[in-house]
Amino acid sequence: MQSDSNERPLIGPDHQLPASTAGKPKHSGTVRIIVWVLLLLIFAVGFYLVLHHHDDTAKPATGRHGAAGGTATINTVTARKGDIGVYLDSIGTVTPVYTSSITSQVNGIILSVHYKEGQLLRKGDPLIDIDPKPYEATLLEARGTLEKDEAVLAQAQMDLERYQAAWAKNAIPKQTLDDQEKIVLQDQGTVKNDQGTVAFDRVQLDYCHITSPITGRVGLRLVDPGNVVQSTGGTTLAVITQIQPITVIFTIAEDSLGQVVAPMHKGSKLAVDAYDRAALKQIATGTLSSLDNQIDTTTGTVKGRATFVNKDSSLYPNEFVNTRLLVNTLHDATLIPTSAIQHNGQIAFVYVIQNNVAHLKNIQAGVTDGDTTQVTGIDPGDVLADSSFDKLQDGAKVSISNKPVPVSTTSGSTAP
């Protein structure tokens, strides 16, 4: 008989169940809570930083903080009262008032070319001569026919006078007188036809001597003596452009059109300055002469034409220029150099120097013309800092120097 120990082994008090079958510690809920708390803290800190940054940017400019201590050496400028223009800048193209492309109206051989390339011509100056011999012969023939028909007319008129006298004495029938009157009318018509032929042939002969139709500059020579030209060929013999006066066509934005139309309706002549391609050198000054009659819907602009005297021929046809249209002038405005203005975001400010101490003042910048800006917020006569802005802050002590400072310290910058 076998023992029961073979069927049910005993487990002693020192034996434990395997770890896989032991109860798991219940820590998962605690870990989850800790993770959520950390996430909430991160979001709270981020939200606080965003609000703090927004408050800092909303504050007005307070100058530069943490600048180097001590006295800053600066250059100064003085605000002044004066006039400044309000300009509309655009790009334009120099366009001649007249451009004449000369072509031949007759057939023939070119005998001579009188102009030189680039020559300034006056109206009526000779350009080209075409062989006139065929047209002289045709004119001579037409004149001969005219003279013959004029003699026939004179004879018919003498006969009419004799018939009228005979009819007064009842020497001829009335029909004979009437027939002679009609013969005179026919001969008069023939003479007029001959006169028209002579006039046409004279015009053809005049076409053989081509002259300049306008005053202007001729271009490069396009034909030479010996070339054959035709009236139907369309060959250009010369191109002449008027350069005195000359015009510039430029565009004006439709939003600015009211500033231009209002003074023009009052009869004002708006000044237009033409600058070179780099917009640095002023070439000439003219006046706005006309506007186009409609706005270009694809660009939202309207074309304007300005007229320039161009005595020195500084404006060249088809030249690209920058234009500045003066639409208004502000009088007795406070003007300062643009380099004295500093910015903190959208806020502009300057440093006003009083008793060798820099005081920060916010300003409103208005019209700018070159290196000068019209401002409000300060008074004419105020002394302003114009250099060493990286060393300035509100209330900082300064030392004024007349010596130029490096460009890096005079250039405008933004306060942190």
Protein backbone atom coordinates (compact mmCIF):
# COMPACT_ATOMS: atom_id res chain seq x y z
CA MET A 1 0.00 0.00 0.00
CA GLN A 2 1.50 3.37 -1.21
CA SER A 3 1.73 6.45 0.92
CA ASP A 4 -0.51 9.49 0.24
CA SER A 5 2.63 11.61 -0.07
CA ASN A 6 3.08 10.36 -3.60
CA GLU A 7 -0.27 11.81 -4.57
CA ARG A 8 -0.34 15.21 -2.68
CA PRO A 9 3.07 16.69 -1.85
CA LEU A 10 3.22 18.83 1.24
CA ILE A 11 4.22 22.48 1.07
CA GLY A 12 6.22 23.67 3.98
CA PRO A 13 5.83 27.02 5.62
CA ASP A 14 9.12 28.27 4.14
CA HIS A 15 8.02 27.79 0.54
CA GLN A 16 6.38 30.67 -1.49
CA LEU A 17 4.37 30.75 -4.65
CA PRO A 18 6.25 31.84 -7.86
CA ALA A 19 6.43 35.58 -8.56
CA SER A 20 4.23 35.18 -11.64
CA THR A 21 1.43 33.93 -9.52
CA ALA A 22 1.92 36.38 -6.66
CA GLY A 23 -0.36 39.41 -6.43
CA LYS A 24 0.95 42.54 -8.47
CA PRO A 25 1.54 45.79 -6.55
CA LYS A 26 -1.12 48.34 -7.32
CA HIS A 27 1.10 51.39 -8.27
CA SER A 28 -0.20 52.13 -11.84
CA GLY A 29 -2.87 54.58 -10.65
CA THR A 30 -0.36 56.60 -8.61
CA VAL A 31 2.06 56.90 -11.55
CA ARG A 32 -0.74 58.12 -13.82
CA ILE A 33 -1.67 60.86 -11.34
CA ILE A 34 1.94 62.02 -11.08
CA VAL A 35 2.26 62.27 -14.91
CA TRP A 36 -0.90 64.40 -15.20
CA VAL A 37 0.27 66.70 -12.42
CA LEU A 38 3.59 67.24 -14.23
CA LEU A 39 1.80 67.99 -17.52
CA LEU A 40 -0.49 70.51 -15.84
CA LEU A 41 2.51 72.23 -14.27
CA ILE A 42 4.26 72.46 -17.65
CA PHE A 43 1.17 74.01 -19.28
CA ALA A 44 0.77 76.45 -16.39
CA VAL A 45 4.39 77.61 -16.64
CA GLY A 46 4.14 78.02 -20.43
CA PHE A 47 0.89 80.01 -20.14
CA TYR A 48 2.50 82.29 -17.55
CA LEU A 49 5.51 82.94 -19.80
CA VAL A 50 3.26 83.81 -22.77
CA LEU A 51 1.26 86.29 -20.70
CA HIS A 52 4.42 87.81 -19.27
CA HIS A 53 5.90 88.27 -22.79
CA HIS A 54 2.67 89.85 -24.04
CA ASP A 55 2.70 92.34 -21.18
CA ASP A 56 6.30 93.28 -21.93
CA THR A 57 5.62 93.94 -25.63
CA ALA A 58 2.51 95.98 -24.85
CA LYS A 59 4.46 98.41 -22.68
CA PRO A 60 5.73 101.63 -24.32
CA ALA A 61 9.37 102.01 -25.25
CA THR A 62 11.56 102.50 -22.21
CA GLY A 63 14.92 102.58 -23.92
CA ARG A 64 17.75 100.15 -23.50
CA HIS A 65 18.11 98.38 -20.14
CA GLY A 66 21.32 96.90 -18.96
CA ALA A 67 23.39 99.34 -21.04
CA ALA A 68 26.93 99.91 -20.01
CA GLY A 69 27.23 102.30 -17.11
CA GLY A 70 29.12 105.58 -17.18
CA THR A 71 28.83 108.56 -19.52
CA ALA A 72 28.11 107.91 -23.21
CA THR A 73 29.78 110.09 -25.85
CA ILE A 74 27.28 111.00 -28.56
CA ASN A 75 26.70 113.23 -31.58
CA THR A 76 23.58 115.37 -31.60
CA VAL A 77 21.19 116.98 -34.07
CA THR A 78 18.62 119.70 -33.54
CA ALA A 79 14.96 119.49 -34.49
CA ARG A 80 13.94 122.34 -36.79
CA LYS A 81 10.81 123.87 -38.25
CA GLY A 82 10.45 123.80 -42.01
CA ASP A 83 8.55 122.60 -45.06
CA ILE A 84 8.53 119.05 -46.39
CA GLY A 85 6.93 117.65 -49.51
CA VAL A 86 4.53 114.73 -49.80
CA TYR A 87 5.64 112.63 -52.78
CA LEU A 88 4.24 109.70 -54.74
CA ASP A 89 7.09 107.51 -56.01
CA SER A 90 6.77 105.43 -59.15
CA ILE A 91 8.69 104.15 -62.15
CA GLY A 92 8.35 105.57 -65.63
CA THR A 93 9.57 105.52 -69.20
CA VAL A 94 10.81 108.50 -71.19
CA THR A 95 8.49 108.89 -74.18
CA PRO A 96 8.92 111.41 -77.03
CA VAL A 97 6.00 113.69 -77.85
CA TYR A 98 6.45 112.89 -81.57
CA THR A 99 8.22 110.04 -83.31
CA SER A 100 8.30 110.08 -87.13
CA SER A 101 9.26 107.05 -89.19
CA ILE A 102 9.99 108.34 -92.69
CA THR A 103 9.03 106.13 -95.67
CA SER A 104 9.07 106.82 -99.40
CA GLN A 105 5.89 107.96 -101.17
CA VAL A 106 7.35 107.42 -104.65
CA ASN A 107 9.39 104.81 -106.52
CA GLY A 108 12.94 105.58 -107.48
CA ILE A 109 16.66 105.54 -106.78
CA ILE A 110 18.11 107.41 -103.81
CA LEU A 111 20.50 110.08 -105.05
CA SER A 112 21.75 111.50 -101.73
CA VAL A 113 21.36 111.26 -97.95
CA HIS A 114 21.80 114.66 -96.32
CA TYR A 115 21.56 113.90 -92.61
CA LYS A 116 24.24 112.59 -90.26
CA GLU A 117 23.55 109.92 -87.67
CA GLY A 118 22.36 111.42 -84.40
CA GLN A 119 22.03 114.90 -85.91
CA LEU A 120 19.64 117.42 -84.39
CA LEU A 121 17.29 118.50 -87.16
CA ARG A 122 14.87 121.36 -87.48
CA LYS A 123 11.55 121.10 -89.22
CA GLY A 124 12.13 121.39 -92.99
CA ASP A 125 15.80 120.32 -93.00
CA PRO A 126 16.66 118.08 -96.01
CA LEU A 127 16.90 114.34 -95.39
CA ILE A 128 16.93 112.32 -98.61
CA ASP A 129 16.72 113.03 -102.37
CA ILE A 130 15.17 110.50 -104.76
CA ASP A 131 15.77 110.69 -108.52
CA PRO A 132 13.14 113.21 -109.73
CA LYS A 133 13.61 112.87 -113.52
CA PRO A 134 10.63 110.58 -114.22
CA TYR A 135 8.31 112.82 -112.21
CA GLU A 136 9.65 115.99 -113.82
CA ALA A 137 8.81 114.51 -117.25
CA THR A 138 5.31 113.53 -116.14
CA LEU A 139 4.71 117.01 -114.73
CA LEU A 140 5.92 118.62 -117.94
CA GLU A 141 3.49 116.48 -119.94
CA ALA A 142 0.60 117.41 -117.67
CA ARG A 143 1.40 121.10 -117.99
CA GLY A 144 1.43 120.81 -121.77
CA THR A 145 -2.00 119.20 -121.79
CA LEU A 146 -3.29 121.92 -119.47
CA GLU A 147 -2.00 124.70 -121.73
CA LYS A 148 -3.61 123.12 -124.79
CA ASP A 149 -6.99 122.73 -123.11
CA GLU A 150 -6.82 126.28 -121.75
CA ALA A 151 -6.39 127.52 -125.35
CA VAL A 152 -9.36 125.44 -126.48
CA LEU A 153 -11.42 126.96 -123.69
CA ALA A 154 -10.37 130.48 -124.68
CA GLN A 155 -11.42 129.85 -128.28
CA ALA A 156 -14.79 128.47 -127.15
CA GLN A 157 -15.36 131.54 -124.98
CA MET A 158 -14.61 133.88 -127.94
CA ASP A 159 -17.11 131.96 -130.07
CA LEU A 160 -19.66 132.26 -127.30
CA GLU A 161 -19.23 136.03 -127.21
CA ARG A 162 -19.76 136.26 -131.02
CA TYR A 163 -22.85 134.05 -130.82
CA GLN A 164 -24.28 136.18 -128.07
CA ALA A 165 -23.83 139.32 -130.17
CA ALA A 166 -25.38 137.61 -133.23
CA TRP A 167 -28.30 136.34 -131.19
CA ALA A 168 -28.94 139.87 -129.98
CA LYS A 169 -29.45 140.85 -133.68
CA ASN A 170 -31.51 137.71 -134.43
CA ALA A 171 -28.76 136.57 -136.79
CA ILE A 172 -28.51 132.98 -135.48
CA PRO A 173 -30.96 130.53 -134.00
CA LYS A 174 -31.17 130.18 -130.22
CA GLN A 175 -30.01 126.55 -130.40
CA THR A 176 -26.63 127.56 -131.77
CA LEU A 177 -26.08 129.89 -128.82
CA ASP A 178 -27.12 127.22 -126.32
CA ASP A 179 -24.80 124.63 -127.86
CA GLN A 180 -21.86 127.02 -127.62
CA GLU A 181 -22.57 127.71 -123.97
CA LYS A 182 -22.40 123.98 -123.19
CA ILE A 183 -19.17 123.63 -125.18
CA VAL A 184 -17.62 126.31 -122.97
CA LEU A 185 -18.70 124.44 -119.82
CA GLN A 186 -17.19 121.20 -121.15
CA ASP A 187 -13.90 122.93 -121.90
CA GLN A 188 -13.88 124.45 -118.40
CA GLY A 189 -14.27 120.95 -116.93
CA THR A 190 -11.40 119.66 -119.05
CA VAL A 191 -9.15 122.47 -117.83
CA LYS A 192 -9.98 121.72 -114.19
CA ASN A 193 -9.13 118.06 -114.77
CA ASP A 194 -5.81 119.07 -116.28
CA GLN A 195 -5.10 121.36 -113.34
CA GLY A 196 -5.70 118.47 -110.95
CA THR A 197 -3.28 116.29 -112.88
CA VAL A 198 -0.63 118.99 -112.77
CA ALA A 199 -1.13 119.42 -109.01
CA PHE A 200 -0.82 115.65 -108.42
CA ASP A 201 2.35 115.42 -110.50
CA ARG A 202 3.81 118.39 -108.65
CA VAL A 203 3.17 116.61 -105.33
CA GLN A 204 4.85 113.45 -106.64
CA LEU A 205 7.83 115.53 -107.63
CA ASP A 206 7.96 117.13 -104.17
CA TYR A 207 8.03 113.65 -102.62
CA CYS A 208 11.40 113.13 -104.29
CA HIS A 209 12.87 115.71 -101.89
CA ILE A 210 12.22 114.42 -98.34
CA THR A 211 12.54 116.88 -95.47
CA SER A 212 12.19 116.55 -91.71
CA PRO A 213 8.53 116.88 -90.62
CA ILE A 214 9.45 117.77 -87.00
CA THR A 215 12.30 119.19 -84.95
CA GLY A 216 14.20 116.39 -83.28
CA ARG A 217 17.09 113.96 -83.34
CA VAL A 218 17.55 111.54 -86.24
CA GLY A 219 18.65 107.98 -85.57
CA LEU A 220 21.13 105.75 -87.36
CA ARG A 221 21.23 105.83 -91.15
CA LEU A 222 19.05 103.14 -92.67
CA VAL A 223 19.58 103.67 -96.44
CA ASP A 224 22.43 104.71 -98.71
CA PRO A 225 22.69 106.45 -102.10
CA GLY A 226 21.92 104.02 -104.90
CA ASN A 227 19.28 102.08 -102.97
CA VAL A 228 15.97 101.61 -104.77
CA VAL A 229 12.87 102.47 -102.76
CA GLN A 230 9.20 101.91 -103.49
CA SER A 231 6.08 103.60 -102.26
CA THR A 232 4.51 100.23 -101.39
CA GLY A 233 7.61 98.65 -99.86
CA GLY A 234 7.26 100.13 -96.39
CA THR A 235 11.03 100.53 -96.01
CA THR A 236 11.87 103.03 -93.27
CA LEU A 237 14.32 105.65 -94.51
CA ALA A 238 14.89 107.50 -91.21
CA VAL A 239 13.45 107.80 -87.69
CA ILE A 240 13.20 111.19 -86.00
CA THR A 241 12.19 111.70 -82.36
CA GLN A 242 11.38 114.97 -80.66
CA ILE A 243 13.45 115.38 -77.51
CA GLN A 244 12.75 119.02 -76.59
CA PRO A 245 10.32 118.95 -74.93
CA ILE A 246 9.99 115.30 -73.93
CA THR A 247 7.62 113.41 -71.65
CA VAL A 248 7.73 110.64 -69.05
CA ILE A 249 4.84 108.20 -68.66
CA PHE A 250 4.48 106.68 -65.18
CA THR A 251 1.78 105.04 -63.04
CA ILE A 252 -0.21 106.31 -60.07
CA ALA A 253 -1.98 103.96 -57.65
CA GLU A 254 -5.75 104.37 -57.69
CA ASP A 255 -5.75 104.86 -53.91
CA SER A 256 -3.61 107.98 -54.39
CA LEU A 257 -5.57 109.32 -57.34
CA GLY A 258 -7.60 111.72 -55.20
CA GLN A 259 -4.42 113.50 -54.06
CA VAL A 260 -3.58 114.17 -57.71
CA VAL A 261 -6.96 114.97 -59.26
CA ALA A 262 -8.03 117.53 -56.63
CA PRO A 263 -5.17 120.01 -57.22
CA MET A 264 -5.34 119.48 -61.00
CA HIS A 265 -9.01 120.51 -61.00
CA LYS A 266 -7.97 123.70 -59.22
CA GLY A 267 -5.46 124.45 -61.98
CA SER A 268 -2.35 123.61 -59.99
CA LYS A 269 0.74 122.40 -61.79
CA LEU A 270 2.13 119.39 -59.91
CA ALA A 271 5.91 119.06 -60.06
CA VAL A 272 7.49 115.77 -61.12
CA ASP A 273 11.15 114.92 -60.53
CA ALA A 274 12.91 112.31 -62.65
CA TYR A 275 15.71 110.27 -61.07
CA ASP A 276 18.11 107.73 -62.52
CA ARG A 277 17.64 103.97 -62.29
CA ALA A 278 19.18 103.83 -58.80
CA ALA A 279 16.91 106.70 -57.65
CA LEU A 280 19.98 108.57 -56.38
CA LYS A 281 20.65 111.29 -58.97
CA GLN A 282 17.98 113.78 -60.02
CA ILE A 283 17.98 114.11 -63.80
CA ALA A 284 15.31 116.74 -64.51
CA THR A 285 12.21 118.45 -63.14
CA GLY A 286 8.94 118.83 -65.03
CA THR A 287 5.20 119.13 -64.50
CA LEU A 288 2.30 116.69 -64.67
CA SER A 289 0.47 117.44 -67.93
CA SER A 290 -2.29 114.82 -68.14
CA LEU A 291 -3.78 111.59 -66.80
CA ASP A 292 -5.18 108.63 -68.68
CA ASN A 293 -8.97 108.40 -68.94
CA GLN A 294 -9.31 105.04 -67.20
CA ILE A 295 -7.74 102.86 -64.52
CA ASP A 296 -5.99 99.64 -65.49
CA THR A 297 -7.98 96.98 -63.62
CA THR A 298 -5.13 94.44 -63.78
CA THR A 299 -2.72 96.68 -61.85
CA GLY A 300 -5.04 99.14 -60.08
CA THR A 301 -3.09 102.09 -61.49
CA VAL A 302 -3.65 104.98 -63.89
CA LYS A 303 -1.05 106.34 -66.29
CA GLY A 304 0.20 109.90 -66.01
CA ARG A 305 2.27 111.96 -68.43
CA ALA A 306 4.79 114.55 -67.23
CA THR A 307 6.39 117.09 -69.57
CA PHE A 308 10.06 118.11 -69.30
CA VAL A 309 11.80 120.93 -71.17
CA ASN A 310 14.94 118.77 -71.47
CA LYS A 311 17.21 121.58 -72.64
CA ASP A 312 20.35 119.59 -71.89
CA SER A 313 18.94 116.42 -73.51
CA SER A 314 19.51 114.54 -70.25
CA LEU A 315 16.35 112.49 -70.76
CA TYR A 316 16.66 109.94 -73.56
CA PRO A 317 13.75 108.28 -75.38
CA ASN A 318 12.71 104.92 -73.85
CA GLU A 319 14.97 105.51 -70.83
CA PHE A 320 13.86 103.94 -67.54
CA VAL A 321 13.55 106.50 -64.72
CA ASN A 322 12.19 106.80 -61.21
CA THR A 323 9.63 109.55 -60.74
CA ARG A 324 8.56 111.54 -57.67
CA LEU A 325 5.25 113.40 -57.95
CA LEU A 326 4.84 116.24 -55.43
CA VAL A 327 1.17 116.24 -54.36
CA ASN A 328 1.35 118.39 -51.21
CA THR A 329 3.72 120.42 -49.04
CA LEU A 330 3.54 120.47 -45.24
CA HIS A 331 4.46 123.89 -43.89
CA ASP A 332 6.01 124.71 -40.49
CA ALA A 333 6.47 121.02 -39.65
CA THR A 334 8.93 119.69 -37.07
CA LEU A 335 11.75 118.04 -39.01
CA ILE A 336 14.56 115.81 -37.77
CA PRO A 337 17.12 113.53 -39.46
CA THR A 338 15.74 110.05 -39.97
CA SER A 339 18.87 108.58 -38.34
CA ALA A 340 17.84 110.03 -34.95
CA ILE A 341 14.65 107.93 -34.83
CA GLN A 342 14.73 104.57 -33.01
CA HIS A 343 12.06 101.87 -32.96
CA ASN A 344 10.70 99.35 -30.50
CA GLY A 345 8.27 97.27 -32.49
CA GLN A 346 5.67 99.68 -33.84
CA ILE A 347 6.72 102.46 -31.44
CA ALA A 348 9.12 105.20 -32.56
CA PHE A 349 11.13 107.23 -30.06
CA VAL A 350 14.06 109.61 -29.77
CA TYR A 351 16.47 110.63 -27.02
CA VAL A 352 16.11 114.31 -26.12
CA ILE A 353 19.26 115.72 -24.52
CA GLN A 354 18.75 118.16 -21.64
CA ASN A 355 21.58 119.17 -19.28
CA ASN A 356 23.73 116.32 -20.59
CA VAL A 357 21.05 113.77 -19.71
CA ALA A 358 19.19 111.64 -22.27
CA HIS A 359 15.40 111.60 -21.94
CA LEU A 360 13.42 109.08 -23.97
CA LYS A 361 10.35 110.49 -25.76
CA ASN A 362 7.90 108.62 -27.93
CA ILE A 363 7.08 110.32 -31.25
CA GLN A 364 4.86 109.88 -34.28
CA ALA A 365 6.84 109.74 -37.53
CA GLY A 366 5.06 111.16 -40.57
CA VAL A 367 6.27 112.13 -44.04
CA THR A 368 9.81 111.15 -44.98
CA ASP A 369 11.78 112.90 -47.71
CA GLY A 370 15.24 111.49 -48.20
CA ASP A 371 17.13 111.74 -44.88
CA THR A 372 14.54 114.03 -43.26
CA THR A 373 11.36 112.97 -41.43
CA GLN A 374 8.42 115.02 -40.18
CA VAL A 375 7.52 114.10 -36.58
CA THR A 376 5.19 115.07 -33.76
CA GLY A 377 5.87 114.70 -30.04
CA ILE A 378 8.87 117.01 -29.78
CA ASP A 379 9.41 120.72 -30.43
CA PRO A 380 11.65 122.56 -32.88
CA GLY A 381 14.94 123.36 -31.17
CA ASP A 382 15.10 120.12 -29.16
CA VAL A 383 18.55 118.55 -29.17
CA LEU A 384 18.47 114.85 -30.06
CA ALA A 385 20.99 112.03 -29.86
CA ASP A 386 22.20 110.86 -33.25
CA SER A 387 24.74 108.18 -32.35
CA SER A 388 25.82 105.63 -29.73
CA PHE A 389 22.27 104.36 -29.27
CA ASP A 390 23.56 101.05 -27.88
CA LYS A 391 24.92 102.96 -24.87
CA LEU A 392 21.82 105.06 -24.18
CA GLN A 393 18.86 104.58 -21.91
CA ASP A 394 16.33 106.88 -20.31
CA GLY A 395 18.10 109.12 -17.80
CA ALA A 396 21.62 108.20 -18.91
CA LYS A 397 24.34 110.82 -18.68
CA VAL A 398 25.93 111.81 -21.97
CA SER A 399 28.86 113.78 -23.27
CA ILE A 400 28.34 115.65 -26.55
CA SER A 401 31.09 115.38 -29.14
CA ASN A 402 31.42 116.97 -32.58
CA LYS A 403 33.69 114.21 -33.84
CA PRO A 404 32.12 111.68 -36.21
CA VAL A 405 31.45 108.27 -34.75
CA PRO A 406 31.69 104.87 -36.47
CA VAL A 407 28.82 103.96 -38.75
CA SER A 408 27.90 100.96 -36.57
CA THR A 409 26.98 103.28 -33.69
CA THR A 410 25.05 105.82 -35.74
CA SER A 411 22.83 103.42 -37.59
CA GLY A 412 19.28 103.04 -36.39
CA SER A 413 18.51 100.03 -34.24
CA THR A 414 15.70 98.54 -32.21
CA ALA A 415 15.48 98.57 -28.47
CA PRO A 416 15.15 95.16 -26.85
